[in-house]
Amino acid sequence: MGGFWQDRVGPRKVAILGIGLWGCGNLLAGLGTAAFGAPWLYLTYGVIGGVGAGMAYVAPLPDARPMRDTSWMSGKATCRLPAPCFMPMALEAA
C-alpha cells in the first residue's frame, strides 16, 4: 500500500503519514488499553501502529521492482535482531 502511494507522491509524505499513524497507534494503545482491554490494544497498536510502521519502513527503501529477489532487504533489516540475546554471554566471557 505504501509503496504504490510512494510512487505517486514521494517518500517524504509516506514517511510522515507512517510516523503519524505509528505514534497515534501507540498513544491510543497506552491511553485506552486499561479501559477497553485486549481488542483495543490489537486495533490500535497492532493495526494502526503496524500500518504506520510499515509505511515508515517502506519510505527509505530503494525501488525494488528491478530486483528479482527482494528478500535480502528483509534479511538486512532483521540481521541484527538476535545480537542482544548474545550480548550478556559475550560480556560474561570477557
Protein backbone atom coordinates (compact mmCIF):
# COMPACT_ATOMS: atom_id res chain seq x y z
CA MET A 1 0.00 0.00 0.00
CA GLY A 2 2.70 2.48 1.00
CA GLY A 3 4.94 1.55 -1.91
CA PHE A 4 2.29 2.22 -4.54
CA TRP A 5 1.42 5.53 -2.91
CA GLN A 6 5.11 6.41 -2.63
CA ASP A 7 5.49 6.01 -6.38
CA ARG A 8 2.90 8.75 -6.87
CA VAL A 9 3.61 11.26 -4.09
CA GLY A 10 7.19 10.56 -3.00
CA PRO A 11 8.76 9.06 0.11
CA ARG A 12 8.50 12.10 2.39
CA LYS A 13 4.70 12.16 2.54
CA VAL A 14 4.54 8.40 3.03
CA ALA A 15 7.09 8.52 5.85
CA ILE A 16 5.35 11.42 7.61
CA LEU A 17 1.98 9.69 7.47
CA GLY A 18 3.55 6.42 8.62
CA ILE A 19 5.21 8.08 11.61
CA GLY A 20 1.95 9.81 12.46
CA LEU A 21 -0.04 6.59 12.32
CA TRP A 22 2.57 4.74 14.36
CA GLY A 23 2.59 7.46 17.00
CA CYS A 24 -1.22 7.64 17.16
CA GLY A 25 -1.44 3.87 17.46
CA ASN A 26 0.99 3.86 20.37
CA LEU A 27 -0.69 6.81 22.08
CA LEU A 28 -4.18 5.36 21.72
CA ALA A 29 -2.99 1.96 22.91
CA GLY A 30 -1.43 3.49 26.00
CA LEU A 31 -4.47 5.57 26.84
CA GLY A 32 -7.25 3.09 26.18
CA THR A 33 -6.00 -0.43 26.82
CA ALA A 34 -6.81 -0.33 30.53
CA ALA A 35 -10.38 0.73 29.78
CA PHE A 36 -11.13 -1.28 26.63
CA GLY A 37 -8.90 -4.35 27.01
CA ALA A 38 -7.09 -6.53 24.51
CA PRO A 39 -9.28 -5.83 21.44
CA TRP A 40 -8.43 -2.15 21.77
CA LEU A 41 -4.73 -2.98 22.01
CA TYR A 42 -4.91 -5.18 18.90
CA LEU A 43 -6.70 -2.47 16.94
CA THR A 44 -4.57 0.50 17.98
CA TYR A 45 -1.10 -0.90 18.49
CA GLY A 46 -1.42 -3.83 16.09
CA VAL A 47 -3.38 -2.46 13.16
CA ILE A 48 -2.96 1.33 13.27
CA GLY A 49 0.60 1.25 14.60
CA GLY A 50 1.53 -1.66 12.36
CA VAL A 51 0.32 0.05 9.20
CA GLY A 52 2.19 3.18 10.25
CA ALA A 53 5.40 1.27 10.92
CA GLY A 54 5.12 -0.46 7.55
CA MET A 55 4.61 2.82 5.73
CA ALA A 56 7.51 4.47 7.55
CA TYR A 57 9.69 1.42 6.80
CA VAL A 58 8.97 1.37 3.07
CA ALA A 59 9.85 5.04 2.52
CA PRO A 60 13.68 4.78 2.67
CA LEU A 61 13.85 1.58 0.64
CA PRO A 62 15.07 1.80 -2.95
CA ASP A 63 12.85 0.88 -5.84
CA ALA A 64 12.70 -2.91 -5.55
CA ARG A 65 10.92 -3.61 -8.82
CA PRO A 66 14.09 -4.19 -10.87
CA MET A 67 15.32 -6.78 -8.37
CA ARG A 68 14.10 -10.33 -8.81
CA ASP A 69 14.64 -11.33 -5.21
CA THR A 70 13.97 -8.64 -2.62
CA SER A 71 14.30 -10.95 0.37
CA TRP A 72 17.76 -9.54 1.06
CA MET A 73 16.06 -6.32 2.20
CA SER A 74 14.22 -8.12 4.97
CA GLY A 75 17.34 -10.03 5.90
CA LYS A 76 19.40 -6.86 6.00
CA ALA A 77 16.83 -5.14 8.21
CA THR A 78 16.49 -8.01 10.68
CA CYS A 79 20.01 -9.44 10.76
CA ARG A 80 20.86 -7.61 13.99
CA LEU A 81 17.80 -8.74 15.98
CA PRO A 82 19.45 -11.76 17.66
CA ALA A 83 22.50 -9.75 18.75
CA PRO A 84 21.08 -8.54 22.12
CA CYS A 85 20.40 -12.16 23.10
CA PHE A 86 24.09 -12.98 22.89
CA MET A 87 25.47 -9.81 24.47
CA PRO A 88 25.19 -10.98 28.12
CA MET A 89 27.10 -14.17 27.26
CA ALA A 90 29.78 -12.20 25.46
CA LEU A 91 30.15 -9.80 28.38
CA GLU A 92 30.41 -12.63 30.91
CA ALA A 93 33.07 -14.37 28.83
CA ALA A 94 35.22 -11.22 28.67
